[in-house]
Amino acid sequence: LTDILGLDWVRAHELAHRLEHIWPDDVLERIDEVLGRPKTCPHGHPIPGREVDVSGIRLSEAKEGLYEVVMIIREEEWVLRKAGELGLFPGTKVEVVGANKIRLNGEIHELDRVLAEQVLVRELRPTQ
Protein backbone atom coordinates (compact mmCIF):
# COMPACT_ATOMS: atom_id res chain seq x y z
CA LEU A 1 0.00 0.00 0.00
CA THR A 2 2.86 2.39 0.68
CA ASP A 3 5.13 1.24 -2.14
CA ILE A 4 2.61 0.64 -4.90
CA LEU A 5 -0.23 3.05 -4.07
CA GLY A 6 1.87 5.69 -2.35
CA LEU A 7 -0.29 5.82 0.79
CA ASP A 8 1.29 7.29 3.90
CA TRP A 9 2.29 4.59 6.34
CA VAL A 10 -0.30 5.53 8.98
CA ARG A 11 -3.23 5.08 6.59
CA ALA A 12 -1.64 1.99 5.01
CA HIS A 13 -1.30 0.41 8.47
CA GLU A 14 -4.97 1.03 9.28
CA LEU A 15 -6.15 -0.33 5.92
CA ALA A 16 -3.88 -3.37 5.96
CA HIS A 17 -5.29 -4.52 9.28
CA ARG A 18 -8.83 -4.20 7.97
CA LEU A 19 -8.14 -5.80 4.60
CA GLU A 20 -6.28 -8.83 5.92
CA HIS A 21 -9.50 -9.98 7.61
CA ILE A 22 -11.81 -9.58 4.60
CA TRP A 23 -9.71 -10.53 1.57
CA PRO A 24 -9.50 -14.20 0.58
CA ASP A 25 -6.17 -15.97 1.09
CA ASP A 26 -5.55 -16.28 -2.66
CA VAL A 27 -5.81 -12.49 -3.10
CA LEU A 28 -3.46 -11.88 -0.15
CA GLU A 29 -1.05 -14.43 -1.62
CA ARG A 30 -1.08 -12.63 -4.99
CA ILE A 31 -0.46 -9.24 -3.32
CA ASP A 32 2.44 -10.79 -1.41
CA GLU A 33 3.84 -12.14 -4.67
CA VAL A 34 3.51 -8.78 -6.49
CA LEU A 35 5.31 -7.06 -3.60
CA GLY A 36 8.21 -9.52 -3.82
CA ARG A 37 7.38 -11.28 -0.55
CA PRO A 38 8.70 -8.59 1.79
CA LYS A 39 10.17 -9.80 5.07
CA THR A 40 8.83 -6.85 7.07
CA CYS A 41 5.99 -4.39 7.03
CA PRO A 42 6.88 -0.75 6.24
CA HIS A 43 7.45 -0.14 9.97
CA GLY A 44 10.04 -2.94 10.19
CA HIS A 45 7.92 -5.58 11.95
CA PRO A 46 8.56 -9.11 10.67
CA ILE A 47 5.81 -10.63 8.55
CA PRO A 48 4.77 -13.92 10.22
CA GLY A 49 6.72 -16.89 8.87
CA ARG A 50 9.58 -14.77 7.49
CA GLU A 51 13.09 -14.88 8.90
CA VAL A 52 14.42 -11.41 9.66
CA ASP A 53 16.84 -9.96 12.21
CA VAL A 54 15.14 -7.23 14.24
CA SER A 55 17.80 -6.95 16.92
CA GLY A 56 18.93 -3.59 18.18
CA ILE A 57 18.43 -1.10 20.98
CA ARG A 58 15.94 1.65 21.57
CA LEU A 59 17.05 5.02 20.25
CA SER A 60 16.56 6.39 23.77
CA GLU A 61 19.39 4.07 24.94
CA ALA A 62 21.80 4.76 22.07
CA LYS A 63 25.16 6.38 22.72
CA GLU A 64 26.66 8.86 20.29
CA GLY A 65 27.43 7.27 16.94
CA LEU A 66 25.96 6.16 13.63
CA TYR A 67 22.86 3.94 13.59
CA GLU A 68 20.31 2.52 11.22
CA VAL A 69 16.59 2.46 12.05
CA VAL A 70 15.44 -1.17 12.26
CA MET A 71 11.83 -0.84 13.34
CA ILE A 72 9.19 1.44 14.79
CA ILE A 73 8.25 -0.63 17.83
CA ARG A 74 4.78 0.66 18.62
CA GLU A 75 2.47 0.87 15.63
CA GLU A 76 0.20 3.52 17.09
CA GLU A 77 -0.90 6.44 14.94
CA TRP A 78 0.88 9.17 16.93
CA VAL A 79 4.17 7.22 16.90
CA LEU A 80 4.00 6.46 13.18
CA ARG A 81 2.97 10.00 12.31
CA LYS A 82 5.78 11.63 14.33
CA ALA A 83 8.40 9.13 13.11
CA GLY A 84 7.24 9.71 9.53
CA GLU A 85 7.39 13.50 9.90
CA LEU A 86 10.99 13.20 11.06
CA GLY A 87 11.92 10.68 8.35
CA LEU A 88 12.63 7.84 10.80
CA PHE A 89 11.85 4.93 8.50
CA PRO A 90 13.46 1.47 8.66
CA GLY A 91 16.75 1.57 6.79
CA THR A 92 17.31 5.28 7.48
CA LYS A 93 20.74 6.15 8.83
CA VAL A 94 20.85 8.55 11.78
CA GLU A 95 23.66 9.95 13.85
CA VAL A 96 23.03 10.13 17.58
CA VAL A 97 24.62 13.36 18.81
CA GLY A 98 23.27 13.44 22.37
CA ALA A 99 20.55 12.08 24.63
CA ASN A 100 17.48 11.68 22.37
CA LYS A 101 19.15 14.03 19.89
CA ILE A 102 19.88 12.95 16.32
CA ARG A 103 21.29 14.32 13.10
CA LEU A 104 19.21 13.28 10.12
CA ASN A 105 19.73 14.66 6.60
CA GLY A 106 22.05 17.32 7.99
CA GLU A 107 19.54 18.62 10.55
CA ILE A 108 19.60 18.18 14.33
CA HIS A 109 16.35 16.92 15.88
CA GLU A 110 15.59 16.58 19.57
CA LEU A 111 13.13 13.73 20.11
CA ASP A 112 10.68 13.34 22.95
CA ARG A 113 11.91 10.46 25.11
CA VAL A 114 8.63 8.61 24.63
CA LEU A 115 9.16 8.65 20.84
CA ALA A 116 12.85 7.72 21.12
CA GLU A 117 11.78 4.68 23.17
CA GLN A 118 9.67 3.46 20.22
CA VAL A 119 12.45 3.48 17.61
CA LEU A 120 14.67 0.40 17.40
CA VAL A 121 18.13 1.08 15.95
CA ARG A 122 21.24 -0.94 15.14
CA GLU A 123 24.72 0.54 15.47
CA LEU A 124 26.63 0.78 12.21
CA ARG A 125 30.31 0.15 11.95
CA PRO A 126 32.42 2.86 10.28
CA THR A 127 32.58 0.90 6.99
CA GLN A 128 28.79 0.54 6.76
C-alpha atoms as a PDB file:
ATOM      1  CA  LEU A   1       0.000   0.000   0.000  1.00  0.00           C
ATOM      2  CA  THR A   2       2.856   2.393   0.681  1.00  0.00           C
ATOM      3  CA  ASP A   3       5.134   1.235  -2.143  1.00  0.00           C
ATOM      4  CA  ILE A   4       2.607   0.642  -4.904  1.00  0.00           C
ATOM      5  CA  LEU A   5      -0.232   3.047  -4.068  1.00  0.00           C
ATOM      6  CA  GLY A   6       1.868   5.687  -2.345  1.00  0.00           C
ATOM      7  CA  LEU A   7      -0.287   5.822   0.785  1.00  0.00           C
ATOM      8  CA  ASP A   8       1.291   7.289   3.897  1.00  0.00           C
ATOM      9  CA  TRP A   9       2.291   4.589   6.335  1.00  0.00           C
ATOM     10  CA  VAL A  10      -0.302   5.528   8.981  1.00  0.00           C
ATOM     11  CA  ARG A  11      -3.228   5.084   6.588  1.00  0.00           C
ATOM     12  CA  ALA A  12      -1.641   1.994   5.015  1.00  0.00           C
ATOM     13  CA  HIS A  13      -1.296   0.414   8.466  1.00  0.00           C
ATOM     14  CA  GLU A  14      -4.969   1.033   9.275  1.00  0.00           C
ATOM     15  CA  LEU A  15      -6.146  -0.327   5.922  1.00  0.00           C
ATOM     16  CA  ALA A  16      -3.876  -3.371   5.956  1.00  0.00           C
ATOM     17  CA  HIS A  17      -5.294  -4.521   9.282  1.00  0.00           C
ATOM     18  CA  ARG A  18      -8.835  -4.202   7.968  1.00  0.00           C
ATOM     19  CA  LEU A  19      -8.142  -5.798   4.601  1.00  0.00           C
ATOM     20  CA  GLU A  20      -6.277  -8.828   5.918  1.00  0.00           C
ATOM     21  CA  HIS A  21      -9.499  -9.975   7.612  1.00  0.00           C
ATOM     22  CA  ILE A  22     -11.806  -9.580   4.602  1.00  0.00           C
ATOM     23  CA  TRP A  23      -9.713 -10.534   1.568  1.00  0.00           C
ATOM     24  CA  PRO A  24      -9.496 -14.202   0.584  1.00  0.00           C
ATOM     25  CA  ASP A  25      -6.174 -15.970   1.088  1.00  0.00           C
ATOM     26  CA  ASP A  26      -5.554 -16.283  -2.661  1.00  0.00           C
ATOM     27  CA  VAL A  27      -5.810 -12.488  -3.097  1.00  0.00           C
ATOM     28  CA  LEU A  28      -3.465 -11.878  -0.149  1.00  0.00           C
ATOM     29  CA  GLU A  29      -1.047 -14.432  -1.625  1.00  0.00           C
ATOM     30  CA  ARG A  30      -1.082 -12.625  -4.991  1.00  0.00           C
ATOM     31  CA  ILE A  31      -0.464  -9.239  -3.316  1.00  0.00           C
ATOM     32  CA  ASP A  32       2.444 -10.788  -1.414  1.00  0.00           C
ATOM     33  CA  GLU A  33       3.841 -12.142  -4.671  1.00  0.00           C
ATOM     34  CA  VAL A  34       3.505  -8.783  -6.486  1.00  0.00           C
ATOM     35  CA  LEU A  35       5.308  -7.059  -3.599  1.00  0.00           C
ATOM     36  CA  GLY A  36       8.206  -9.518  -3.818  1.00  0.00           C
ATOM     37  CA  ARG A  37       7.383 -11.284  -0.555  1.00  0.00           C
ATOM     38  CA  PRO A  38       8.702  -8.588   1.794  1.00  0.00           C
ATOM     39  CA  LYS A  39      10.169  -9.801   5.069  1.00  0.00           C
ATOM     40  CA  THR A  40       8.831  -6.852   7.066  1.00  0.00           C
ATOM     41  CA  CYS A  41       5.990  -4.395   7.028  1.00  0.00           C
ATOM     42  CA  PRO A  42       6.877  -0.746   6.243  1.00  0.00           C
ATOM     43  CA  HIS A  43       7.455  -0.136   9.974  1.00  0.00           C
ATOM     44  CA  GLY A  44      10.039  -2.942  10.187  1.00  0.00           C
ATOM     45  CA  HIS A  45       7.916  -5.576  11.949  1.00  0.00           C
ATOM     46  CA  PRO A  46       8.557  -9.114  10.668  1.00  0.00           C
ATOM     47  CA  ILE A  47       5.813 -10.635   8.554  1.00  0.00           C
ATOM     48  CA  PRO A  48       4.775 -13.918  10.220  1.00  0.00           C
ATOM     49  CA  GLY A  49       6.715 -16.890   8.872  1.00  0.00           C
ATOM     50  CA  ARG A  50       9.576 -14.773   7.485  1.00  0.00           C
ATOM     51  CA  GLU A  51      13.092 -14.880   8.905  1.00  0.00           C
ATOM     52  CA  VAL A  52      14.423 -11.409   9.662  1.00  0.00           C
ATOM     53  CA  ASP A  53      16.840  -9.958  12.214  1.00  0.00           C
ATOM     54  CA  VAL A  54      15.145  -7.228  14.241  1.00  0.00           C
ATOM     55  CA  SER A  55      17.797  -6.952  16.916  1.00  0.00           C
ATOM     56  CA  GLY A  56      18.929  -3.594  18.185  1.00  0.00           C
ATOM     57  CA  ILE A  57      18.434  -1.098  20.976  1.00  0.00           C
ATOM     58  CA  ARG A  58      15.943   1.650  21.572  1.00  0.00           C
ATOM     59  CA  LEU A  59      17.046   5.024  20.253  1.00  0.00           C
ATOM     60  CA  SER A  60      16.557   6.387  23.774  1.00  0.00           C
ATOM     61  CA  GLU A  61      19.390   4.068  24.944  1.00  0.00           C
ATOM     62  CA  ALA A  62      21.797   4.761  22.071  1.00  0.00           C
ATOM     63  CA  LYS A  63      25.157   6.379  22.722  1.00  0.00           C
ATOM     64  CA  GLU A  64      26.656   8.858  20.285  1.00  0.00           C
ATOM     65  CA  GLY A  65      27.434   7.269  16.944  1.00  0.00           C
ATOM     66  CA  LEU A  66      25.960   6.164  13.628  1.00  0.00           C
ATOM     67  CA  TYR A  67      22.864   3.941  13.595  1.00  0.00           C
ATOM     68  CA  GLU A  68      20.308   2.517  11.217  1.00  0.00           C
ATOM     69  CA  VAL A  69      16.593   2.464  12.050  1.00  0.00           C
ATOM     70  CA  VAL A  70      15.437  -1.173  12.265  1.00  0.00           C
ATOM     71  CA  MET A  71      11.825  -0.838  13.342  1.00  0.00           C
ATOM     72  CA  ILE A  72       9.188   1.443  14.791  1.00  0.00           C
ATOM     73  CA  ILE A  73       8.248  -0.632  17.825  1.00  0.00           C
ATOM     74  CA  ARG A  74       4.779   0.660  18.620  1.00  0.00           C
ATOM     75  CA  GLU A  75       2.470   0.870  15.629  1.00  0.00           C
ATOM     76  CA  GLU A  76       0.202   3.525  17.094  1.00  0.00           C
ATOM     77  CA  GLU A  77      -0.903   6.440  14.945  1.00  0.00           C
ATOM     78  CA  TRP A  78       0.878   9.172  16.927  1.00  0.00           C
ATOM     79  CA  VAL A  79       4.175   7.224  16.898  1.00  0.00           C
ATOM     80  CA  LEU A  80       3.999   6.459  13.182  1.00  0.00           C
ATOM     81  CA  ARG A  81       2.974  10.003  12.308  1.00  0.00           C
ATOM     82  CA  LYS A  82       5.778  11.634  14.329  1.00  0.00           C
ATOM     83  CA  ALA A  83       8.402   9.132  13.111  1.00  0.00           C
ATOM     84  CA  GLY A  84       7.237   9.706   9.533  1.00  0.00           C
ATOM     85  CA  GLU A  85       7.390  13.499   9.898  1.00  0.00           C
ATOM     86  CA  LEU A  86      10.995  13.205  11.064  1.00  0.00           C
ATOM     87  CA  GLY A  87      11.923  10.682   8.355  1.00  0.00           C
ATOM     88  CA  LEU A  88      12.628   7.843  10.800  1.00  0.00           C
ATOM     89  CA  PHE A  89      11.853   4.926   8.497  1.00  0.00           C
ATOM     90  CA  PRO A  90      13.460   1.467   8.661  1.00  0.00           C
ATOM     91  CA  GLY A  91      16.749   1.574   6.794  1.00  0.00           C
ATOM     92  CA  THR A  92      17.305   5.283   7.483  1.00  0.00           C
ATOM     93  CA  LYS A  93      20.744   6.148   8.828  1.00  0.00           C
ATOM     94  CA  VAL A  94      20.848   8.548  11.780  1.00  0.00           C
ATOM     95  CA  GLU A  95      23.662   9.949  13.853  1.00  0.00           C
ATOM     96  CA  VAL A  96      23.032  10.130  17.582  1.00  0.00           C
ATOM     97  CA  VAL A  97      24.619  13.359  18.813  1.00  0.00           C
ATOM     98  CA  GLY A  98      23.268  13.445  22.369  1.00  0.00           C
ATOM     99  CA  ALA A  99      20.554  12.078  24.629  1.00  0.00           C
ATOM    100  CA  ASN A 100      17.481  11.684  22.374  1.00  0.00           C
ATOM    101  CA  LYS A 101      19.148  14.029  19.893  1.00  0.00           C
ATOM    102  CA  ILE A 102      19.880  12.951  16.315  1.00  0.00           C
ATOM    103  CA  ARG A 103      21.293  14.316  13.100  1.00  0.00           C
ATOM    104  CA  LEU A 104      19.214  13.284  10.115  1.00  0.00           C
ATOM    105  CA  ASN A 105      19.734  14.663   6.604  1.00  0.00           C
ATOM    106  CA  GLY A 106      22.051  17.323   7.994  1.00  0.00           C
ATOM    107  CA  GLU A 107      19.541  18.621  10.548  1.00  0.00           C
ATOM    108  CA  ILE A 108      19.597  18.178  14.328  1.00  0.00           C
ATOM    109  CA  HIS A 109      16.352  16.925  15.880  1.00  0.00           C
ATOM    110  CA  GLU A 110      15.586  16.579  19.569  1.00  0.00           C
ATOM    111  CA  LEU A 111      13.127  13.732  20.114  1.00  0.00           C
ATOM    112  CA  ASP A 112      10.681  13.338  22.947  1.00  0.00           C
ATOM    113  CA  ARG A 113      11.907  10.465  25.110  1.00  0.00           C
ATOM    114  CA  VAL A 114       8.631   8.609  24.629  1.00  0.00           C
ATOM    115  CA  LEU A 115       9.156   8.654  20.840  1.00  0.00           C
ATOM    116  CA  ALA A 116      12.854   7.715  21.121  1.00  0.00           C
ATOM    117  CA  GLU A 117      11.776   4.675  23.166  1.00  0.00           C
ATOM    118  CA  GLN A 118       9.666   3.464  20.216  1.00  0.00           C
ATOM    119  CA  VAL A 119      12.454   3.481  17.609  1.00  0.00           C
ATOM    120  CA  LEU A 120      14.673   0.400  17.399  1.00  0.00           C
ATOM    121  CA  VAL A 121      18.131   1.079  15.952  1.00  0.00           C
ATOM    122  CA  ARG A 122      21.237  -0.944  15.141  1.00  0.00           C
ATOM    123  CA  GLU A 123      24.720   0.542  15.471  1.00  0.00           C
ATOM    124  CA  LEU A 124      26.631   0.777  12.214  1.00  0.00           C
ATOM    125  CA  ARG A 125      30.312   0.149  11.953  1.00  0.00           C
ATOM    126  CA  PRO A 126      32.417   2.862  10.278  1.00  0.00           C
ATOM    127  CA  THR A 127      32.584   0.896   6.986  1.00  0.00           C
ATOM    128  CA  GLN A 128      28.785   0.535   6.759  1.00  0.00           C
END
